Amino acid sequence: MASSLLISHSYLLSFSQSPTLFPFHLKTTAIKQRQRQHYSPPSRHLNIVSSSAASASLEALIFDCDGVILESEHLHRQAYNDAFAHFNVICSSSLPLNWSPDFYDVLQNRIGGGKPKMRWYFKEHGWPSSNLFEKPPEDDESRAKLIDTLQDWKTERYKEIIKSGTVEPRPGVLRLMDEAKAAGKKLAVCSAATKSSVILCLENLIGMERFQGLDCFLAGDDVKEKKPDPSIYVTASERLGVSERDCLVVEDSVIGLQVDI
């Protein structure tokens, strides 16, 4: 099984150019070896220093994108809320749907992928009226059209935010990538987001040279099932030619950490 590293908020990562990882020095983080044990969400105030996630056989680092390479939760939430306002998506109130920071944080750690998030929400809270459908859609085709349209618009809005030049990579990420590469480790990025938005993020935040130097890159479009299904990481392991037990996965969400590979 692969090791998983869960990252939350600010942190400092260090990589040794020897065959093993130096201890990861992390603020508000949790590290868990994938041993089919119960996982409890990490406290926002934990301070943990551990090297247990690393081993001498570590051959590859696999990064999630959102929340790991960049702090993006608030950006995605903004893009969703802008989409809801643009299409006047109304559920139970008379105002367009607006996901609060606290609610989106819970949603992000419960449902992987943008379309599944919206489908889950509408099933739980009622399908909305909108500029697309005067009345809440009742058949599967109309509901799929609503979700597809919202997701497409949201993706373009998110790209606009990324291209604004105001977004930067999280501290320590580029150094970790460079030091891992120099140490002969393989690098991959696996994200549940749409491929076009992930490519845009990587080109703008890690640069074309690092992006093109990745040994593997997979997005949500490349696999049928979203996290916590392990498909994306299993596929990455296969394409890297590295055993799952020799991969370290860097994740930011409980959904990502629940992946069992």
C-alpha atoms as a PDB file:
ATOM      1  CA  MET A   1       0.000   0.000   0.000  1.00  0.00           C
ATOM      2  CA  ALA A   2       1.110   3.553  -0.619  1.00  0.00           C
ATOM      3  CA  SER A   3       1.769   5.997   2.203  1.00  0.00           C
ATOM      4  CA  SER A   4      -0.429   9.076   2.437  1.00  0.00           C
ATOM      5  CA  LEU A   5       0.452  12.537   3.701  1.00  0.00           C
ATOM      6  CA  LEU A   6      -2.406  14.885   4.556  1.00  0.00           C
ATOM      7  CA  ILE A   7      -1.597  18.596   4.493  1.00  0.00           C
ATOM      8  CA  SER A   8      -3.690  21.393   5.949  1.00  0.00           C
ATOM      9  CA  HIS A   9      -2.853  25.101   5.836  1.00  0.00           C
ATOM     10  CA  SER A  10       0.725  26.420   6.077  1.00  0.00           C
ATOM     11  CA  TYR A  11       3.638  24.010   6.112  1.00  0.00           C
ATOM     12  CA  LEU A  12       7.309  23.477   5.382  1.00  0.00           C
ATOM     13  CA  LEU A  13       8.485  20.394   3.546  1.00  0.00           C
ATOM     14  CA  SER A  14      12.031  19.089   3.371  1.00  0.00           C
ATOM     15  CA  PHE A  15      13.440  16.381   1.125  1.00  0.00           C
ATOM     16  CA  SER A  16      16.789  14.683   1.474  1.00  0.00           C
ATOM     17  CA  GLN A  17      18.928  13.974  -1.568  1.00  0.00           C
ATOM     18  CA  SER A  18      19.908  10.714   0.104  1.00  0.00           C
ATOM     19  CA  PRO A  19      17.784   7.608  -0.597  1.00  0.00           C
ATOM     20  CA  THR A  20      15.408   8.443   2.289  1.00  0.00           C
ATOM     21  CA  LEU A  21      13.185  11.339   3.231  1.00  0.00           C
ATOM     22  CA  PHE A  22      14.217  13.595   6.076  1.00  0.00           C
ATOM     23  CA  PRO A  23      11.430  14.103   8.619  1.00  0.00           C
ATOM     24  CA  PHE A  24       8.611  16.245   7.264  1.00  0.00           C
ATOM     25  CA  HIS A  25       8.280  19.325   9.479  1.00  0.00           C
ATOM     26  CA  LEU A  26       4.623  20.230   9.262  1.00  0.00           C
ATOM     27  CA  LYS A  27       2.268  22.654  10.946  1.00  0.00           C
ATOM     28  CA  THR A  28      -1.344  21.446  11.350  1.00  0.00           C
ATOM     29  CA  THR A  29      -0.831  18.184   9.509  1.00  0.00           C
ATOM     30  CA  ALA A  30      -1.598  14.521   9.907  1.00  0.00           C
ATOM     31  CA  ILE A  31       0.401  11.606   8.512  1.00  0.00           C
ATOM     32  CA  LYS A  32      -1.122   8.192   8.127  1.00  0.00           C
ATOM     33  CA  GLN A  33       0.287   4.934   6.847  1.00  0.00           C
ATOM     34  CA  ARG A  34      -2.361   3.178   4.759  1.00  0.00           C
ATOM     35  CA  GLN A  35      -3.080   0.157   6.939  1.00  0.00           C
ATOM     36  CA  ARG A  36      -6.894  -0.045   6.693  1.00  0.00           C
ATOM     37  CA  GLN A  37      -7.260   1.648  10.069  1.00  0.00           C
ATOM     38  CA  HIS A  38      -9.985   4.103  11.024  1.00  0.00           C
ATOM     39  CA  TYR A  39      -9.196   7.725  10.160  1.00  0.00           C
ATOM     40  CA  SER A  40     -10.342  10.717  12.197  1.00  0.00           C
ATOM     41  CA  PRO A  41     -10.049  14.212  10.674  1.00  0.00           C
ATOM     42  CA  PRO A  42      -6.948  16.056  11.919  1.00  0.00           C
ATOM     43  CA  SER A  43      -7.178  18.816  14.461  1.00  0.00           C
ATOM     44  CA  ARG A  44      -6.558  22.270  13.018  1.00  0.00           C
ATOM     45  CA  HIS A  45      -4.048  22.869  15.826  1.00  0.00           C
ATOM     46  CA  LEU A  46      -1.893  19.762  15.671  1.00  0.00           C
ATOM     47  CA  ASN A  47       1.850  20.117  15.352  1.00  0.00           C
ATOM     48  CA  ILE A  48       3.412  16.837  14.255  1.00  0.00           C
ATOM     49  CA  VAL A  49       6.975  15.989  13.305  1.00  0.00           C
ATOM     50  CA  SER A  50       7.279  12.531  11.817  1.00  0.00           C
ATOM     51  CA  SER A  51       9.343  10.544   9.353  1.00  0.00           C
ATOM     52  CA  SER A  52       7.137   7.461   9.526  1.00  0.00           C
ATOM     53  CA  ALA A  53       5.621   8.166   6.097  1.00  0.00           C
ATOM     54  CA  ALA A  54       8.995   7.715   4.444  1.00  0.00           C
ATOM     55  CA  SER A  55      11.013   4.630   3.835  1.00  0.00           C
ATOM     56  CA  ALA A  56      14.261   3.723   2.157  1.00  0.00           C
ATOM     57  CA  SER A  57      12.283   2.211  -0.726  1.00  0.00           C
ATOM     58  CA  LEU A  58      10.407   5.421  -1.571  1.00  0.00           C
ATOM     59  CA  GLU A  59      10.596   5.862  -5.338  1.00  0.00           C
ATOM     60  CA  ALA A  60       7.813   8.289  -6.255  1.00  0.00           C
ATOM     61  CA  LEU A  61       5.899  11.301  -4.938  1.00  0.00           C
ATOM     62  CA  ILE A  62       2.327  11.746  -6.164  1.00  0.00           C
ATOM     63  CA  PHE A  63       0.792  15.183  -5.548  1.00  0.00           C
ATOM     64  CA  ASP A  64      -2.822  16.207  -5.552  1.00  0.00           C
ATOM     65  CA  CYS A  65      -3.198  19.661  -7.109  1.00  0.00           C
ATOM     66  CA  ASP A  66      -5.942  21.617  -5.352  1.00  0.00           C
ATOM     67  CA  GLY A  67      -5.062  22.275  -1.730  1.00  0.00           C
ATOM     68  CA  VAL A  68      -1.575  20.807  -2.122  1.00  0.00           C
ATOM     69  CA  ILE A  69       0.183  22.678  -4.928  1.00  0.00           C
ATOM     70  CA  LEU A  70      -2.036  25.689  -4.355  1.00  0.00           C
ATOM     71  CA  GLU A  71      -4.450  26.791  -1.641  1.00  0.00           C
ATOM     72  CA  SER A  72      -7.551  26.607  -3.800  1.00  0.00           C
ATOM     73  CA  GLU A  73     -10.599  25.709  -1.731  1.00  0.00           C
ATOM     74  CA  HIS A  74     -11.756  29.324  -1.468  1.00  0.00           C
ATOM     75  CA  LEU A  75     -11.134  29.845  -5.191  1.00  0.00           C
ATOM     76  CA  HIS A  76     -13.288  26.871  -6.186  1.00  0.00           C
ATOM     77  CA  ARG A  77     -16.000  27.990  -3.772  1.00  0.00           C
ATOM     78  CA  GLN A  78     -15.963  31.462  -5.303  1.00  0.00           C
ATOM     79  CA  ALA A  79     -16.232  29.990  -8.807  1.00  0.00           C
ATOM     80  CA  TYR A  80     -19.170  27.761  -7.812  1.00  0.00           C
ATOM     81  CA  ASN A  81     -20.997  30.638  -6.146  1.00  0.00           C
ATOM     82  CA  ASP A  82     -20.379  32.841  -9.189  1.00  0.00           C
ATOM     83  CA  ALA A  83     -21.879  30.085 -11.366  1.00  0.00           C
ATOM     84  CA  PHE A  84     -24.908  29.789  -9.093  1.00  0.00           C
ATOM     85  CA  ALA A  85     -25.428  33.562  -9.257  1.00  0.00           C
ATOM     86  CA  HIS A  86     -24.897  33.698 -13.037  1.00  0.00           C
ATOM     87  CA  PHE A  87     -27.573  31.063 -13.675  1.00  0.00           C
ATOM     88  CA  ASN A  88     -29.780  32.234 -10.777  1.00  0.00           C
ATOM     89  CA  VAL A  89     -29.717  28.790  -9.161  1.00  0.00           C
ATOM     90  CA  ILE A  90     -32.349  28.846  -6.408  1.00  0.00           C
ATOM     91  CA  CYS A  91     -33.101  25.981  -4.039  1.00  0.00           C
ATOM     92  CA  SER A  92     -35.011  26.608  -0.814  1.00  0.00           C
ATOM     93  CA  SER A  93     -34.610  30.394  -0.484  1.00  0.00           C
ATOM     94  CA  SER A  94     -35.419  33.256  -2.831  1.00  0.00           C
ATOM     95  CA  LEU A  95     -31.726  34.045  -3.293  1.00  0.00           C
ATOM     96  CA  PRO A  96     -29.189  32.276  -5.529  1.00  0.00           C
ATOM     97  CA  LEU A  97     -27.431  29.353  -3.889  1.00  0.00           C
ATOM     98  CA  ASN A  98     -24.276  30.383  -2.031  1.00  0.00           C
ATOM     99  CA  TRP A  99     -22.019  27.842  -0.331  1.00  0.00           C
ATOM    100  CA  SER A 100     -20.469  29.230   2.866  1.00  0.00           C
ATOM    101  CA  PRO A 101     -16.786  28.612   3.706  1.00  0.00           C
ATOM    102  CA  ASP A 102     -17.682  26.252   6.566  1.00  0.00           C
ATOM    103  CA  PHE A 103     -20.162  24.267   4.485  1.00  0.00           C
ATOM    104  CA  TYR A 104     -17.813  23.990   1.513  1.00  0.00           C
ATOM    105  CA  ASP A 105     -15.033  22.744   3.776  1.00  0.00           C
ATOM    106  CA  VAL A 106     -17.299  19.915   4.939  1.00  0.00           C
ATOM    107  CA  LEU A 107     -18.493  19.233   1.383  1.00  0.00           C
ATOM    108  CA  GLN A 108     -14.922  19.172   0.069  1.00  0.00           C
ATOM    109  CA  ASN A 109     -13.999  16.479   2.575  1.00  0.00           C
ATOM    110  CA  ARG A 110     -17.122  14.438   1.914  1.00  0.00           C
ATOM    111  CA  ILE A 111     -17.635  14.393  -1.863  1.00  0.00           C
ATOM    112  CA  GLY A 112     -14.877  14.206  -4.479  1.00  0.00           C
ATOM    113  CA  GLY A 113     -15.273  15.962  -7.836  1.00  0.00           C
ATOM    114  CA  GLY A 114     -17.335  18.994  -8.828  1.00  0.00           C
ATOM    115  CA  LYS A 115     -20.283  17.304 -10.521  1.00  0.00           C
ATOM    116  CA  PRO A 116     -20.730  14.742  -7.714  1.00  0.00           C
ATOM    117  CA  LYS A 117     -20.715  17.643  -5.212  1.00  0.00           C
ATOM    118  CA  MET A 118     -23.579  19.394  -6.958  1.00  0.00           C
ATOM    119  CA  ARG A 119     -25.532  16.188  -7.588  1.00  0.00           C
ATOM    120  CA  TRP A 120     -25.240  15.236  -3.918  1.00  0.00           C
ATOM    121  CA  TYR A 121     -26.263  18.713  -2.769  1.00  0.00           C
ATOM    122  CA  PHE A 122     -29.313  18.885  -5.032  1.00  0.00           C
ATOM    123  CA  LYS A 123     -30.419  15.399  -4.003  1.00  0.00           C
ATOM    124  CA  GLU A 124     -30.174  16.399  -0.348  1.00  0.00           C
ATOM    125  CA  HIS A 125     -31.627  19.922  -0.581  1.00  0.00           C
ATOM    126  CA  GLY A 126     -33.871  19.725  -3.628  1.00  0.00           C
ATOM    127  CA  TRP A 127     -33.234  20.344  -7.310  1.00  0.00           C
ATOM    128  CA  PRO A 128     -33.212  24.078  -8.068  1.00  0.00           C
ATOM    129  CA  SER A 129     -34.905  26.398 -10.485  1.00  0.00           C
ATOM    130  CA  SER A 130     -32.547  28.416 -12.679  1.00  0.00           C
ATOM    131  CA  ASN A 131     -32.180  30.426 -15.872  1.00  0.00           C
ATOM    132  CA  LEU A 132     -31.769  27.082 -17.624  1.00  0.00           C
ATOM    133  CA  PHE A 133     -34.959  25.534 -16.252  1.00  0.00           C
ATOM    134  CA  GLU A 134     -37.798  27.667 -14.935  1.00  0.00           C
ATOM    135  CA  LYS A 135     -38.928  24.724 -12.831  1.00  0.00           C
ATOM    136  CA  PRO A 136     -36.643  22.256 -11.040  1.00  0.00           C
ATOM    137  CA  PRO A 137     -35.614  19.524 -13.506  1.00  0.00           C
ATOM    138  CA  GLU A 138     -37.313  16.205 -12.868  1.00  0.00           C
ATOM    139  CA  ASP A 139     -35.773  13.801 -15.380  1.00  0.00           C
ATOM    140  CA  ASP A 140     -32.195  12.515 -15.455  1.00  0.00           C
ATOM    141  CA  GLU A 141     -31.373  14.149 -18.800  1.00  0.00           C
ATOM    142  CA  SER A 142     -32.394  17.625 -17.654  1.00  0.00           C
ATOM    143  CA  ARG A 143     -30.596  17.230 -14.341  1.00  0.00           C
ATOM    144  CA  ALA A 144     -27.427  16.131 -16.121  1.00  0.00           C
ATOM    145  CA  LYS A 145     -27.681  19.146 -18.443  1.00  0.00           C
ATOM    146  CA  LEU A 146     -27.992  21.489 -15.467  1.00  0.00           C
ATOM    147  CA  ILE A 147     -24.964  20.027 -13.709  1.00  0.00           C
ATOM    148  CA  ASP A 148     -22.872  19.914 -16.897  1.00  0.00           C
ATOM    149  CA  THR A 149     -23.659  23.542 -17.702  1.00  0.00           C
ATOM    150  CA  LEU A 150     -22.901  24.733 -14.178  1.00  0.00           C
ATOM    151  CA  GLN A 151     -19.645  22.779 -14.062  1.00  0.00           C
ATOM    152  CA  ASP A 152     -18.486  24.065 -17.466  1.00  0.00           C
ATOM    153  CA  TRP A 153     -19.177  27.681 -16.508  1.00  0.00           C
ATOM    154  CA  LYS A 154     -17.578  27.203 -13.100  1.00  0.00           C
ATOM    155  CA  THR A 155     -14.444  25.729 -14.722  1.00  0.00           C
ATOM    156  CA  GLU A 156     -14.044  28.737 -17.027  1.00  0.00           C
ATOM    157  CA  ARG A 157     -14.547  31.111 -14.101  1.00  0.00           C
ATOM    158  CA  TYR A 158     -11.928  29.233 -12.095  1.00  0.00           C
ATOM    159  CA  LYS A 159      -9.485  29.541 -14.997  1.00  0.00           C
ATOM    160  CA  GLU A 160     -10.039  33.297 -15.042  1.00  0.00           C
ATOM    161  CA  ILE A 161      -9.143  33.457 -11.353  1.00  0.00           C
ATOM    162  CA  ILE A 162      -5.973  31.404 -11.871  1.00  0.00           C
ATOM    163  CA  LYS A 163      -4.908  33.537 -14.849  1.00  0.00           C
ATOM    164  CA  SER A 164      -5.404  36.735 -12.847  1.00  0.00           C
ATOM    165  CA  GLY A 165      -1.844  36.469 -11.514  1.00  0.00           C
ATOM    166  CA  THR A 166      -2.925  36.676  -7.884  1.00  0.00           C
ATOM    167  CA  VAL A 167      -2.521  32.952  -7.106  1.00  0.00           C
ATOM    168  CA  GLU A 168       0.794  31.460  -5.966  1.00  0.00           C
ATOM    169  CA  PRO A 169       1.949  27.906  -5.141  1.00  0.00           C
ATOM    170  CA  ARG A 170       1.957  26.879  -1.489  1.00  0.00           C
ATOM    171  CA  PRO A 171       5.248  27.483   0.334  1.00  0.00           C
ATOM    172  CA  GLY A 172       7.688  24.599   0.021  1.00  0.00           C
ATOM    173  CA  VAL A 173       6.012  22.769  -2.874  1.00  0.00           C
ATOM    174  CA  LEU A 174       8.390  23.822  -5.643  1.00  0.00           C
ATOM    175  CA  ARG A 175      11.412  23.126  -3.468  1.00  0.00           C
ATOM    176  CA  LEU A 176      10.092  19.689  -2.579  1.00  0.00           C
ATOM    177  CA  MET A 177       9.542  18.881  -6.253  1.00  0.00           C
ATOM    178  CA  ASP A 178      13.006  20.079  -7.222  1.00  0.00           C
ATOM    179  CA  GLU A 179      14.769  18.243  -4.396  1.00  0.00           C
ATOM    180  CA  ALA A 180      12.816  15.043  -5.044  1.00  0.00           C
ATOM    181  CA  LYS A 181      13.681  15.198  -8.732  1.00  0.00           C
ATOM    182  CA  ALA A 182      17.342  15.830  -7.909  1.00  0.00           C
ATOM    183  CA  ALA A 183      17.256  12.801  -5.607  1.00  0.00           C
ATOM    184  CA  GLY A 184      16.106  10.628  -8.498  1.00  0.00           C
ATOM    185  CA  LYS A 185      12.499  10.237  -7.368  1.00  0.00           C
ATOM    186  CA  LYS A 186       9.657  10.124  -9.879  1.00  0.00           C
ATOM    187  CA  LEU A 187       7.006  12.845  -9.691  1.00  0.00           C
ATOM    188  CA  ALA A 188       3.323  12.745 -10.570  1.00  0.00           C
ATOM    189  CA  VAL A 189       0.296  14.998 -10.181  1.00  0.00           C
ATOM    190  CA  CYS A 190      -3.147  13.392  -9.807  1.00  0.00           C
ATOM    191  CA  SER A 191      -6.204  15.616  -9.478  1.00  0.00           C
ATOM    192  CA  ALA A 192      -9.939  14.950  -9.553  1.00  0.00           C
ATOM    193  CA  ALA A 193     -10.448  18.307 -11.280  1.00  0.00           C
ATOM    194  CA  THR A 194     -10.995  18.708 -15.013  1.00  0.00           C
ATOM    195  CA  LYS A 195      -7.845  18.318 -17.095  1.00  0.00           C
ATOM    196  CA  SER A 196      -8.008  21.788 -18.649  1.00  0.00           C
ATOM    197  CA  SER A 197      -8.146  23.536 -15.267  1.00  0.00           C
ATOM    198  CA  VAL A 198      -5.354  21.393 -13.789  1.00  0.00           C
ATOM    199  CA  ILE A 199      -3.108  22.039 -16.800  1.00  0.00           C
ATOM    200  CA  LEU A 200      -3.723  25.768 -16.439  1.00  0.00           C
ATOM    201  CA  CYS A 201      -2.869  25.630 -12.722  1.00  0.00           C
ATOM    202  CA  LEU A 202       0.329  23.682 -13.282  1.00  0.00           C
ATOM    203  CA  GLU A 203       1.513  25.849 -16.177  1.00  0.00           C
ATOM    204  CA  ASN A 204       0.941  29.018 -14.144  1.00  0.00           C
ATOM    205  CA  LEU A 205       2.115  27.820 -10.731  1.00  0.00           C
ATOM    206  CA  ILE A 206       4.935  25.305 -11.191  1.00  0.00           C
ATOM    207  CA  GLY A 207       6.051  26.495 -14.630  1.00  0.00           C
ATOM    208  CA  MET A 208       6.288  24.735 -17.975  1.00  0.00           C
ATOM    209  CA  GLU A 209       9.678  23.131 -17.266  1.00  0.00           C
ATOM    210  CA  ARG A 210       8.490  21.381 -14.098  1.00  0.00           C
ATOM    211  CA  PHE A 211       5.141  20.500 -15.681  1.00  0.00           C
ATOM    212  CA  GLN A 212       6.762  18.898 -18.710  1.00  0.00           C
ATOM    213  CA  GLY A 213       9.231  17.156 -16.410  1.00  0.00           C
ATOM    214  CA  LEU A 214       6.499  15.262 -14.546  1.00  0.00           C
ATOM    215  CA  ASP A 215       6.725  11.513 -14.967  1.00  0.00           C
ATOM    216  CA  CYS A 216       2.933  11.203 -14.871  1.00  0.00           C
ATOM    217  CA  PHE A 217      -0.031  13.572 -14.940  1.00  0.00           C
ATOM    218  CA  LEU A 218      -3.655  12.468 -14.480  1.00  0.00           C
ATOM    219  CA  ALA A 219      -6.880  14.444 -14.078  1.00  0.00           C
ATOM    220  CA  GLY A 220     -10.465  13.552 -13.323  1.00  0.00           C
ATOM    221  CA  ASP A 221     -11.143  13.114 -17.040  1.00  0.00           C
ATOM    222  CA  ASP A 222      -8.662  10.228 -17.179  1.00  0.00           C
ATOM    223  CA  VAL A 223     -10.503   7.849 -14.838  1.00  0.00           C
ATOM    224  CA  LYS A 224     -14.120   6.733 -14.538  1.00  0.00           C
ATOM    225  CA  GLU A 225     -14.390   6.901 -10.756  1.00  0.00           C
ATOM    226  CA  LYS A 226     -13.554   9.850  -8.496  1.00  0.00           C
ATOM    227  CA  LYS A 227     -11.730   9.726  -5.164  1.00  0.00           C
ATOM    228  CA  PRO A 228     -12.004   7.972  -2.734  1.00  0.00           C
ATOM    229  CA  ASP A 229     -11.993   5.308  -5.446  1.00  0.00           C
ATOM    230  CA  PRO A 230      -8.283   4.451  -5.892  1.00  0.00           C
ATOM    231  CA  SER A 231      -8.348   4.334  -9.714  1.00  0.00           C
ATOM    232  CA  ILE A 232      -6.384   7.524 -10.289  1.00  0.00           C
ATOM    233  CA  TYR A 233      -3.528   6.543  -7.954  1.00  0.00           C
ATOM    234  CA  VAL A 234      -3.443   2.931  -9.115  1.00  0.00           C
ATOM    235  CA  THR A 235      -3.186   4.186 -12.705  1.00  0.00           C
ATOM    236  CA  ALA A 236      -0.414   6.601 -11.740  1.00  0.00           C
ATOM    237  CA  SER A 237       1.537   3.826 -10.021  1.00  0.00           C
ATOM    238  CA  GLU A 238       1.245   1.672 -13.134  1.00  0.00           C
ATOM    239  CA  ARG A 239       2.338   4.456 -15.485  1.00  0.00           C
ATOM    240  CA  LEU A 240       5.238   5.358 -13.225  1.00  0.00           C
ATOM    241  CA  GLY A 241       6.308   1.727 -13.162  1.00  0.00           C
ATOM    242  CA  VAL A 242       6.566   1.940  -9.377  1.00  0.00           C
ATOM    243  CA  SER A 243       4.999  -0.395  -6.826  1.00  0.00           C
ATOM    244  CA  GLU A 244       2.176   1.180  -4.831  1.00  0.00           C
ATOM    245  CA  ARG A 245       4.066   0.500  -1.602  1.00  0.00           C
ATOM    246  CA  ASP A 246       6.929   2.669  -2.879  1.00  0.00           C
ATOM    247  CA  CYS A 247       4.764   5.743  -3.577  1.00  0.00           C
ATOM    248  CA  LEU A 248       4.078   8.646  -1.214  1.00  0.00           C
ATOM    249  CA  VAL A 249       0.785  10.418  -1.920  1.00  0.00           C
ATOM    250  CA  VAL A 250       0.469  14.059  -0.815  1.00  0.00           C
ATOM    251  CA  GLU A 251      -3.180  14.974  -0.204  1.00  0.00           C
ATOM    252  CA  ASP A 252      -5.124  17.782   1.483  1.00  0.00           C
ATOM    253  CA  SER A 253      -8.551  16.268   2.102  1.00  0.00           C
ATOM    254  CA  VAL A 254     -10.156  13.439   4.007  1.00  0.00           C
ATOM    255  CA  ILE A 255     -11.631  12.204   0.711  1.00  0.00           C
ATOM    256  CA  GLY A 256      -8.142  11.905  -0.733  1.00  0.00           C
ATOM    257  CA  LEU A 257      -6.793  10.218   2.365  1.00  0.00           C
ATOM    258  CA  GLN A 258      -9.539   7.603   2.259  1.00  0.00           C
ATOM    259  CA  VAL A 259      -8.211   6.275  -1.047  1.00  0.00           C
ATOM    260  CA  ASP A 260      -7.066   2.712  -0.394  1.00  0.00           C
ATOM    261  CA  ILE A 261      -4.256   1.576  -2.676  1.00  0.00           C
END
